[in-house]
Amino acid sequence: MKTFKTSAIGVLLIVCYLNSSAQKIPLNENFKNQPKLFADMPGSMKLKTLNLESLLDLPVGTSVNTFLTNNFNFQGTVVSTSPASNATVKSIVVQCTNRKGATLTFTRTVQPDGTIKYLGRIISLKNGDAFDIVKENDQYILQKKNLDELVNE
C-alpha cells in the first residue's frame, strides 16, 4: 500500500509538471510586424561625423538640431552624456523629437594608436527598423537594419 501511495503521488506530480507552463515573453517575435519609423529613408547614407562630434560636448538637457547625413535632419534633446574625465571614450544619448520614440546613441573612442572609432545606433523598440553606424571603405555610414538584427533574445 505504501508503494501505491508513493507511485500515485509521483504520477500526480508528473501530470502537474507536464500541464504547467512558464510565462513566455517573446522579445523580438513581433518586430517584423511593427511599423517602420524610417520607411521614407534610404538603406544607407554617408554619415557627417563632424556634426556628431560637435554633440559630444553638449550638456544634458540641450536641444539638438543637426544633419546626420545630407538628407537626415535629426532633432532631439540630450538625455545622457559620459563623464568629462574620460578622454578616450565619449558618449551621448539623444532622445529624438522629430522621429517619435527613437533614441540616438553615439560613442567616440580614441584607440591607443591615436585612431578614432565611432559606434552608434538610432533605435526605437516600438518600431521594426533602426539605423546602425558602420564603417565601410574608410567612411562611416548610417545603415538601415531590421530591429530583430540588432536585438537578441
N, C-alpha and C. Protein backbone atom coordinates (compact mmCIF):
# COMPACT_ATOMS: atom_id res chain seq x y z
N MET A 1 0.82 -1.19 0.00
CA MET A 1 0.00 0.00 0.00
C MET A 1 0.86 1.25 0.00
N LYS A 2 1.99 1.19 0.74
CA LYS A 2 2.89 2.33 0.81
C LYS A 2 3.49 2.61 -0.56
N THR A 3 3.81 1.61 -1.33
CA THR A 3 4.35 1.76 -2.68
C THR A 3 3.30 2.38 -3.61
N PHE A 4 2.05 1.98 -3.43
CA PHE A 4 0.98 2.52 -4.27
C PHE A 4 0.81 4.03 -4.03
N LYS A 5 0.84 4.46 -2.76
CA LYS A 5 0.70 5.89 -2.44
C LYS A 5 1.87 6.69 -3.02
N THR A 6 3.06 6.17 -2.89
CA THR A 6 4.23 6.86 -3.42
C THR A 6 4.16 6.96 -4.93
N SER A 7 3.72 5.88 -5.58
CA SER A 7 3.59 5.89 -7.04
C SER A 7 2.52 6.88 -7.48
N ALA A 8 1.38 6.90 -6.75
CA ALA A 8 0.28 7.80 -7.10
C ALA A 8 0.72 9.27 -6.95
N ILE A 9 1.44 9.57 -5.91
CA ILE A 9 1.94 10.94 -5.71
C ILE A 9 2.94 11.30 -6.81
N GLY A 10 3.80 10.36 -7.16
CA GLY A 10 4.76 10.59 -8.25
C GLY A 10 4.07 10.85 -9.58
N VAL A 11 3.04 10.07 -9.91
CA VAL A 11 2.29 10.27 -11.15
C VAL A 11 1.57 11.62 -11.11
N LEU A 12 0.99 11.97 -9.96
CA LEU A 12 0.31 13.25 -9.83
C LEU A 12 1.28 14.42 -10.05
N LEU A 13 2.47 14.34 -9.49
CA LEU A 13 3.48 15.39 -9.69
C LEU A 13 3.91 15.49 -11.15
N ILE A 14 4.07 14.37 -11.81
CA ILE A 14 4.44 14.37 -13.23
C ILE A 14 3.35 14.99 -14.07
N VAL A 15 2.10 14.66 -13.81
CA VAL A 15 0.97 15.24 -14.55
C VAL A 15 0.91 16.75 -14.33
N CYS A 16 1.08 17.19 -13.08
CA CYS A 16 1.08 18.63 -12.79
C CYS A 16 2.23 19.33 -13.51
N TYR A 17 3.39 18.71 -13.52
CA TYR A 17 4.55 19.30 -14.19
C TYR A 17 4.31 19.43 -15.69
N LEU A 18 3.76 18.40 -16.30
CA LEU A 18 3.54 18.42 -17.75
C LEU A 18 2.45 19.41 -18.15
N ASN A 19 1.50 19.67 -17.27
CA ASN A 19 0.41 20.60 -17.60
C ASN A 19 0.73 22.04 -17.23
N SER A 20 1.78 22.25 -16.47
CA SER A 20 2.13 23.63 -16.11
C SER A 20 3.00 24.24 -17.21
N SER A 21 2.95 25.55 -17.29
CA SER A 21 3.79 26.24 -18.28
C SER A 21 4.31 27.53 -17.66
N ALA A 22 5.50 27.86 -18.03
CA ALA A 22 6.10 29.10 -17.55
C ALA A 22 5.63 30.26 -18.43
N GLN A 23 5.74 31.45 -17.90
CA GLN A 23 5.40 32.63 -18.68
C GLN A 23 6.41 32.81 -19.80
N LYS A 24 5.92 32.99 -21.00
CA LYS A 24 6.80 33.19 -22.15
C LYS A 24 6.73 34.66 -22.56
N ILE A 25 7.89 35.28 -22.69
CA ILE A 25 7.97 36.68 -23.08
C ILE A 25 8.69 36.76 -24.42
N PRO A 26 7.96 36.87 -25.51
CA PRO A 26 8.62 36.99 -26.80
C PRO A 26 9.22 38.38 -26.96
N LEU A 27 10.52 38.48 -27.11
CA LEU A 27 11.17 39.78 -27.20
C LEU A 27 11.13 40.34 -28.61
N ASN A 28 11.54 39.56 -29.59
CA ASN A 28 11.63 40.13 -30.93
C ASN A 28 10.73 39.42 -31.93
N GLU A 29 9.77 38.68 -31.45
CA GLU A 29 8.88 37.95 -32.34
C GLU A 29 8.02 38.89 -33.19
N ASN A 30 7.66 40.04 -32.66
CA ASN A 30 6.75 40.93 -33.37
C ASN A 30 7.43 42.11 -34.03
N PHE A 31 8.77 42.18 -34.03
CA PHE A 31 9.45 43.32 -34.64
C PHE A 31 9.12 43.46 -36.12
N LYS A 32 8.94 42.34 -36.81
CA LYS A 32 8.67 42.40 -38.25
C LYS A 32 7.28 42.97 -38.53
N ASN A 33 6.38 42.86 -37.56
CA ASN A 33 5.02 43.36 -37.73
C ASN A 33 4.87 44.80 -37.26
N GLN A 34 5.90 45.35 -36.63
CA GLN A 34 5.82 46.71 -36.14
C GLN A 34 6.00 47.71 -37.28
N PRO A 35 5.43 48.91 -37.13
CA PRO A 35 5.58 49.92 -38.18
C PRO A 35 7.04 50.35 -38.35
N LYS A 36 7.37 50.78 -39.54
CA LYS A 36 8.73 51.22 -39.85
C LYS A 36 8.84 52.72 -39.61
N LEU A 37 9.75 53.11 -38.75
CA LEU A 37 9.96 54.52 -38.42
C LEU A 37 10.75 55.23 -39.50
N PHE A 38 11.61 54.49 -40.20
CA PHE A 38 12.48 55.09 -41.21
C PHE A 38 12.14 54.59 -42.62
N ALA A 39 10.89 54.31 -42.89
CA ALA A 39 10.47 53.79 -44.19
C ALA A 39 10.76 54.79 -45.31
N ASP A 40 10.76 56.08 -45.02
CA ASP A 40 10.99 57.10 -46.03
C ASP A 40 12.47 57.38 -46.28
N MET A 41 13.35 56.68 -45.56
CA MET A 41 14.79 56.94 -45.67
C MET A 41 15.46 55.85 -46.51
N PRO A 42 16.57 56.20 -47.18
CA PRO A 42 17.31 55.19 -47.95
C PRO A 42 17.98 54.17 -47.03
N GLY A 43 18.42 53.06 -47.60
CA GLY A 43 19.03 51.97 -46.84
C GLY A 43 20.38 52.31 -46.24
N SER A 44 21.15 53.17 -46.90
CA SER A 44 22.43 53.61 -46.32
C SER A 44 22.72 55.03 -46.77
N MET A 45 23.33 55.78 -45.85
CA MET A 45 23.64 57.19 -46.12
C MET A 45 24.99 57.52 -45.50
N LYS A 46 25.76 58.35 -46.16
CA LYS A 46 27.06 58.77 -45.65
C LYS A 46 26.87 59.66 -44.43
N LEU A 47 27.52 59.30 -43.33
CA LEU A 47 27.37 59.99 -42.07
C LEU A 47 28.26 61.22 -42.00
N LYS A 48 27.73 62.31 -41.45
CA LYS A 48 28.51 63.53 -41.23
C LYS A 48 29.08 63.46 -39.81
N THR A 49 30.26 62.87 -39.69
CA THR A 49 30.85 62.64 -38.38
C THR A 49 31.18 63.94 -37.65
N LEU A 50 31.53 65.00 -38.39
CA LEU A 50 31.83 66.27 -37.73
C LEU A 50 30.62 66.82 -37.00
N ASN A 51 29.43 66.64 -37.57
CA ASN A 51 28.21 67.09 -36.90
C ASN A 51 27.97 66.30 -35.61
N LEU A 52 28.26 65.01 -35.66
CA LEU A 52 28.10 64.19 -34.45
C LEU A 52 29.17 64.50 -33.41
N GLU A 53 30.38 64.78 -33.87
CA GLU A 53 31.47 65.15 -32.94
C GLU A 53 31.07 66.36 -32.10
N SER A 54 30.40 67.32 -32.74
CA SER A 54 30.03 68.54 -32.02
C SER A 54 29.00 68.26 -30.92
N LEU A 55 28.28 67.16 -31.01
CA LEU A 55 27.29 66.83 -29.98
C LEU A 55 27.93 66.31 -28.70
N LEU A 56 29.12 65.77 -28.80
CA LEU A 56 29.74 65.08 -27.66
C LEU A 56 30.04 66.00 -26.47
N ASP A 57 30.12 67.29 -26.68
CA ASP A 57 30.42 68.21 -25.59
C ASP A 57 29.18 68.91 -25.03
N LEU A 58 28.00 68.55 -25.51
CA LEU A 58 26.78 69.20 -25.05
C LEU A 58 26.34 68.64 -23.70
N PRO A 59 25.83 69.51 -22.82
CA PRO A 59 25.34 69.03 -21.52
C PRO A 59 23.93 68.44 -21.63
N VAL A 60 23.55 67.68 -20.63
CA VAL A 60 22.22 67.08 -20.57
C VAL A 60 21.17 68.19 -20.59
N GLY A 61 20.10 67.97 -21.36
CA GLY A 61 19.02 68.93 -21.47
C GLY A 61 19.12 69.85 -22.67
N THR A 62 20.24 69.82 -23.38
CA THR A 62 20.44 70.69 -24.54
C THR A 62 19.61 70.20 -25.72
N SER A 63 19.01 71.15 -26.44
CA SER A 63 18.29 70.81 -27.67
C SER A 63 19.28 70.61 -28.80
N VAL A 64 19.00 69.63 -29.64
CA VAL A 64 19.88 69.28 -30.77
C VAL A 64 19.10 69.44 -32.06
N ASN A 65 19.74 70.05 -33.05
CA ASN A 65 19.17 70.15 -34.39
C ASN A 65 20.34 70.10 -35.36
N THR A 66 20.59 68.92 -35.94
CA THR A 66 21.75 68.75 -36.82
C THR A 66 21.42 67.78 -37.94
N PHE A 67 22.21 67.84 -38.98
CA PHE A 67 22.07 66.90 -40.08
C PHE A 67 23.06 65.76 -39.87
N LEU A 68 22.55 64.54 -39.69
CA LEU A 68 23.41 63.38 -39.56
C LEU A 68 23.95 62.96 -40.92
N THR A 69 23.15 63.19 -41.96
CA THR A 69 23.54 62.94 -43.35
C THR A 69 23.03 64.13 -44.16
N ASN A 70 23.25 64.10 -45.46
CA ASN A 70 22.78 65.20 -46.30
C ASN A 70 21.26 65.38 -46.25
N ASN A 71 20.52 64.26 -46.04
CA ASN A 71 19.06 64.37 -46.09
C ASN A 71 18.38 63.84 -44.82
N PHE A 72 19.08 63.79 -43.71
CA PHE A 72 18.50 63.32 -42.45
C PHE A 72 18.75 64.35 -41.36
N ASN A 73 17.74 65.21 -41.16
CA ASN A 73 17.80 66.21 -40.10
C ASN A 73 17.35 65.55 -38.80
N PHE A 74 18.20 65.60 -37.80
CA PHE A 74 17.92 64.96 -36.52
C PHE A 74 17.69 66.03 -35.47
N GLN A 75 16.55 65.95 -34.81
CA GLN A 75 16.21 66.91 -33.75
C GLN A 75 15.92 66.13 -32.48
N GLY A 76 16.36 66.67 -31.35
CA GLY A 76 16.10 65.98 -30.10
C GLY A 76 16.66 66.71 -28.91
N THR A 77 16.73 65.99 -27.80
CA THR A 77 17.22 66.53 -26.53
C THR A 77 18.23 65.57 -25.93
N VAL A 78 19.36 66.10 -25.48
CA VAL A 78 20.39 65.28 -24.85
C VAL A 78 19.86 64.78 -23.51
N VAL A 79 19.88 63.44 -23.33
CA VAL A 79 19.38 62.85 -22.09
C VAL A 79 20.49 62.22 -21.25
N SER A 80 21.67 61.99 -21.85
CA SER A 80 22.77 61.39 -21.11
C SER A 80 24.09 61.66 -21.82
N THR A 81 25.14 61.84 -21.02
CA THR A 81 26.48 62.01 -21.56
C THR A 81 27.46 61.22 -20.71
N SER A 82 28.62 60.94 -21.27
CA SER A 82 29.66 60.26 -20.50
C SER A 82 30.39 61.27 -19.63
N PRO A 83 31.06 60.81 -18.58
CA PRO A 83 31.83 61.75 -17.73
C PRO A 83 32.92 62.46 -18.53
N ALA A 84 33.11 63.74 -18.26
CA ALA A 84 34.10 64.53 -18.98
C ALA A 84 35.53 64.11 -18.64
N SER A 85 35.71 63.38 -17.55
CA SER A 85 37.05 62.99 -17.12
C SER A 85 37.69 61.94 -18.02
N ASN A 86 36.88 61.21 -18.78
CA ASN A 86 37.42 60.16 -19.64
C ASN A 86 37.69 60.74 -21.04
N ALA A 87 38.95 60.88 -21.39
CA ALA A 87 39.31 61.49 -22.67
C ALA A 87 39.31 60.48 -23.81
N THR A 88 39.40 59.19 -23.51
CA THR A 88 39.49 58.20 -24.59
C THR A 88 38.12 57.74 -25.07
N VAL A 89 37.10 57.85 -24.25
CA VAL A 89 35.75 57.44 -24.65
C VAL A 89 34.78 58.56 -24.31
N LYS A 90 34.01 58.99 -25.30
CA LYS A 90 32.97 60.00 -25.09
C LYS A 90 31.69 59.46 -25.71
N SER A 91 30.60 59.57 -24.97
CA SER A 91 29.31 59.08 -25.44
C SER A 91 28.22 60.09 -25.17
N ILE A 92 27.17 59.99 -25.97
CA ILE A 92 26.00 60.83 -25.78
C ILE A 92 24.76 60.05 -26.18
N VAL A 93 23.66 60.33 -25.50
CA VAL A 93 22.36 59.74 -25.83
C VAL A 93 21.40 60.89 -26.06
N VAL A 94 20.73 60.87 -27.22
CA VAL A 94 19.81 61.94 -27.58
C VAL A 94 18.45 61.33 -27.88
N GLN A 95 17.42 61.82 -27.18
CA GLN A 95 16.05 61.39 -27.44
C GLN A 95 15.51 62.22 -28.59
N CYS A 96 15.11 61.56 -29.65
CA CYS A 96 14.67 62.24 -30.88
C CYS A 96 13.27 62.83 -30.70
N THR A 97 13.06 64.02 -31.26
CA THR A 97 11.74 64.64 -31.21
C THR A 97 11.05 64.63 -32.57
N ASN A 98 11.79 64.55 -33.66
CA ASN A 98 11.13 64.54 -34.97
C ASN A 98 10.90 63.13 -35.49
N ARG A 99 11.38 62.11 -34.82
CA ARG A 99 11.08 60.70 -35.10
C ARG A 99 10.69 60.10 -33.74
N LYS A 100 9.43 60.21 -33.40
CA LYS A 100 8.95 59.87 -32.06
C LYS A 100 9.36 58.46 -31.63
N GLY A 101 9.92 58.40 -30.43
CA GLY A 101 10.33 57.12 -29.85
C GLY A 101 11.75 56.71 -30.15
N ALA A 102 12.41 57.38 -31.10
CA ALA A 102 13.77 56.99 -31.47
C ALA A 102 14.78 57.61 -30.52
N THR A 103 15.87 56.89 -30.32
CA THR A 103 16.96 57.36 -29.48
C THR A 103 18.27 57.15 -30.22
N LEU A 104 19.09 58.19 -30.24
CA LEU A 104 20.42 58.12 -30.83
C LEU A 104 21.43 57.88 -29.73
N THR A 105 22.24 56.84 -29.89
CA THR A 105 23.39 56.64 -29.02
C THR A 105 24.63 56.76 -29.90
N PHE A 106 25.59 57.55 -29.47
CA PHE A 106 26.79 57.80 -30.26
C PHE A 106 28.00 57.80 -29.34
N THR A 107 29.03 57.04 -29.73
CA THR A 107 30.25 56.93 -28.93
C THR A 107 31.47 57.12 -29.82
N ARG A 108 32.42 57.90 -29.31
CA ARG A 108 33.71 58.06 -29.98
C ARG A 108 34.78 57.49 -29.06
N THR A 109 35.60 56.59 -29.59
CA THR A 109 36.71 56.05 -28.82
C THR A 109 38.02 56.38 -29.53
N VAL A 110 39.01 56.77 -28.74
CA VAL A 110 40.34 57.03 -29.28
C VAL A 110 41.19 55.80 -28.95
N GLN A 111 41.66 55.14 -29.99
CA GLN A 111 42.44 53.92 -29.84
C GLN A 111 43.86 54.27 -29.35
N PRO A 112 44.59 53.29 -28.80
CA PRO A 112 45.95 53.55 -28.33
C PRO A 112 46.89 54.11 -29.40
N ASP A 113 46.63 53.76 -30.68
CA ASP A 113 47.48 54.28 -31.75
C ASP A 113 47.04 55.67 -32.24
N GLY A 114 46.00 56.24 -31.60
CA GLY A 114 45.55 57.59 -31.95
C GLY A 114 44.39 57.63 -32.94
N THR A 115 44.02 56.51 -33.52
CA THR A 115 42.90 56.50 -34.46
C THR A 115 41.59 56.63 -33.70
N ILE A 116 40.60 57.14 -34.39
CA ILE A 116 39.29 57.37 -33.79
C ILE A 116 38.30 56.37 -34.37
N LYS A 117 37.48 55.81 -33.50
CA LYS A 117 36.46 54.85 -33.92
C LYS A 117 35.11 55.34 -33.40
N TYR A 118 34.09 55.25 -34.27
CA TYR A 118 32.74 55.67 -33.91
C TYR A 118 31.81 54.46 -33.87
N LEU A 119 30.91 54.48 -32.90
CA LEU A 119 29.87 53.47 -32.77
C LEU A 119 28.56 54.18 -32.48
N GLY A 120 27.46 53.61 -32.89
CA GLY A 120 26.19 54.21 -32.54
C GLY A 120 25.02 53.59 -33.26
N ARG A 121 23.85 53.96 -32.77
CA ARG A 121 22.59 53.47 -33.34
C ARG A 121 21.50 54.49 -33.13
N ILE A 122 20.52 54.42 -34.01
CA ILE A 122 19.27 55.13 -33.81
C ILE A 122 18.22 54.04 -33.77
N ILE A 123 17.57 53.91 -32.63
CA ILE A 123 16.71 52.74 -32.41
C ILE A 123 15.45 53.15 -31.66
N SER A 124 14.37 52.45 -31.94
CA SER A 124 13.12 52.58 -31.20
C SER A 124 12.54 51.18 -31.06
N LEU A 125 12.30 50.74 -29.85
CA LEU A 125 11.77 49.39 -29.64
C LEU A 125 10.30 49.28 -30.03
N LYS A 126 9.68 50.41 -30.36
CA LYS A 126 8.28 50.40 -30.79
C LYS A 126 8.17 50.29 -32.30
N ASN A 127 9.28 50.25 -32.99
CA ASN A 127 9.29 50.19 -34.45
C ASN A 127 10.17 49.05 -34.91
N GLY A 128 9.96 48.61 -36.14
CA GLY A 128 10.65 47.43 -36.65
C GLY A 128 11.96 47.70 -37.36
N ASP A 129 12.37 48.97 -37.45
CA ASP A 129 13.62 49.27 -38.14
C ASP A 129 14.48 50.20 -37.28
N ALA A 130 15.75 50.29 -37.66
CA ALA A 130 16.71 51.11 -36.91
C ALA A 130 17.86 51.45 -37.85
N PHE A 131 18.72 52.35 -37.39
CA PHE A 131 19.95 52.67 -38.12
C PHE A 131 21.14 52.30 -37.24
N ASP A 132 22.16 51.76 -37.88
CA ASP A 132 23.40 51.38 -37.21
C ASP A 132 24.54 52.14 -37.88
N ILE A 133 25.47 52.67 -37.09
CA ILE A 133 26.64 53.34 -37.64
C ILE A 133 27.70 52.28 -37.92
N VAL A 134 28.06 52.15 -39.19
CA VAL A 134 29.06 51.15 -39.58
C VAL A 134 30.12 51.83 -40.46
N LYS A 135 31.30 51.21 -40.49
CA LYS A 135 32.39 51.73 -41.31
C LYS A 135 32.52 50.87 -42.56
N GLU A 136 32.48 51.54 -43.70
CA GLU A 136 32.65 50.86 -44.99
C GLU A 136 33.59 51.69 -45.85
N ASN A 137 34.62 51.06 -46.37
CA ASN A 137 35.58 51.74 -47.26
C ASN A 137 36.13 53.02 -46.64
N ASP A 138 36.55 52.93 -45.40
CA ASP A 138 37.15 54.06 -44.66
C ASP A 138 36.24 55.26 -44.48
N GLN A 139 34.94 55.05 -44.54
CA GLN A 139 34.00 56.12 -44.22
C GLN A 139 32.84 55.53 -43.42
N TYR A 140 32.23 56.35 -42.57
CA TYR A 140 31.12 55.90 -41.74
C TYR A 140 29.80 56.18 -42.44
N ILE A 141 28.90 55.22 -42.31
CA ILE A 141 27.57 55.36 -42.91
C ILE A 141 26.51 54.97 -41.89
N LEU A 142 25.31 55.48 -42.12
CA LEU A 142 24.14 55.00 -41.39
C LEU A 142 23.54 53.89 -42.23
N GLN A 143 23.48 52.69 -41.68
CA GLN A 143 22.97 51.52 -42.38
C GLN A 143 21.64 51.12 -41.76
N LYS A 144 20.58 51.10 -42.57
CA LYS A 144 19.27 50.71 -42.07
C LYS A 144 19.26 49.21 -41.83
N LYS A 145 18.69 48.81 -40.70
CA LYS A 145 18.59 47.39 -40.36
C LYS A 145 17.23 47.12 -39.74
N ASN A 146 16.82 45.87 -39.81
CA ASN A 146 15.63 45.45 -39.09
C ASN A 146 15.98 45.32 -37.61
N LEU A 147 15.06 45.67 -36.75
CA LEU A 147 15.33 45.67 -35.32
C LEU A 147 15.71 44.28 -34.81
N ASP A 148 15.14 43.23 -35.39
CA ASP A 148 15.47 41.88 -34.93
C ASP A 148 16.92 41.50 -35.25
N GLU A 149 17.59 42.24 -36.13
CA GLU A 149 19.01 42.01 -36.39
C GLU A 149 19.89 42.60 -35.29
N LEU A 150 19.35 43.57 -34.55
CA LEU A 150 20.14 44.28 -33.53
C LEU A 150 19.82 43.82 -32.12
N VAL A 151 18.59 43.35 -31.89
CA VAL A 151 18.16 42.96 -30.55
C VAL A 151 18.08 41.44 -30.48
N ASN A 152 18.79 40.86 -29.53
CA ASN A 152 18.79 39.41 -29.35
C ASN A 152 17.92 39.02 -28.18
N GLU A 153 17.33 37.83 -28.28
CA GLU A 153 16.54 37.30 -27.16
C GLU A 153 17.46 36.77 -26.11
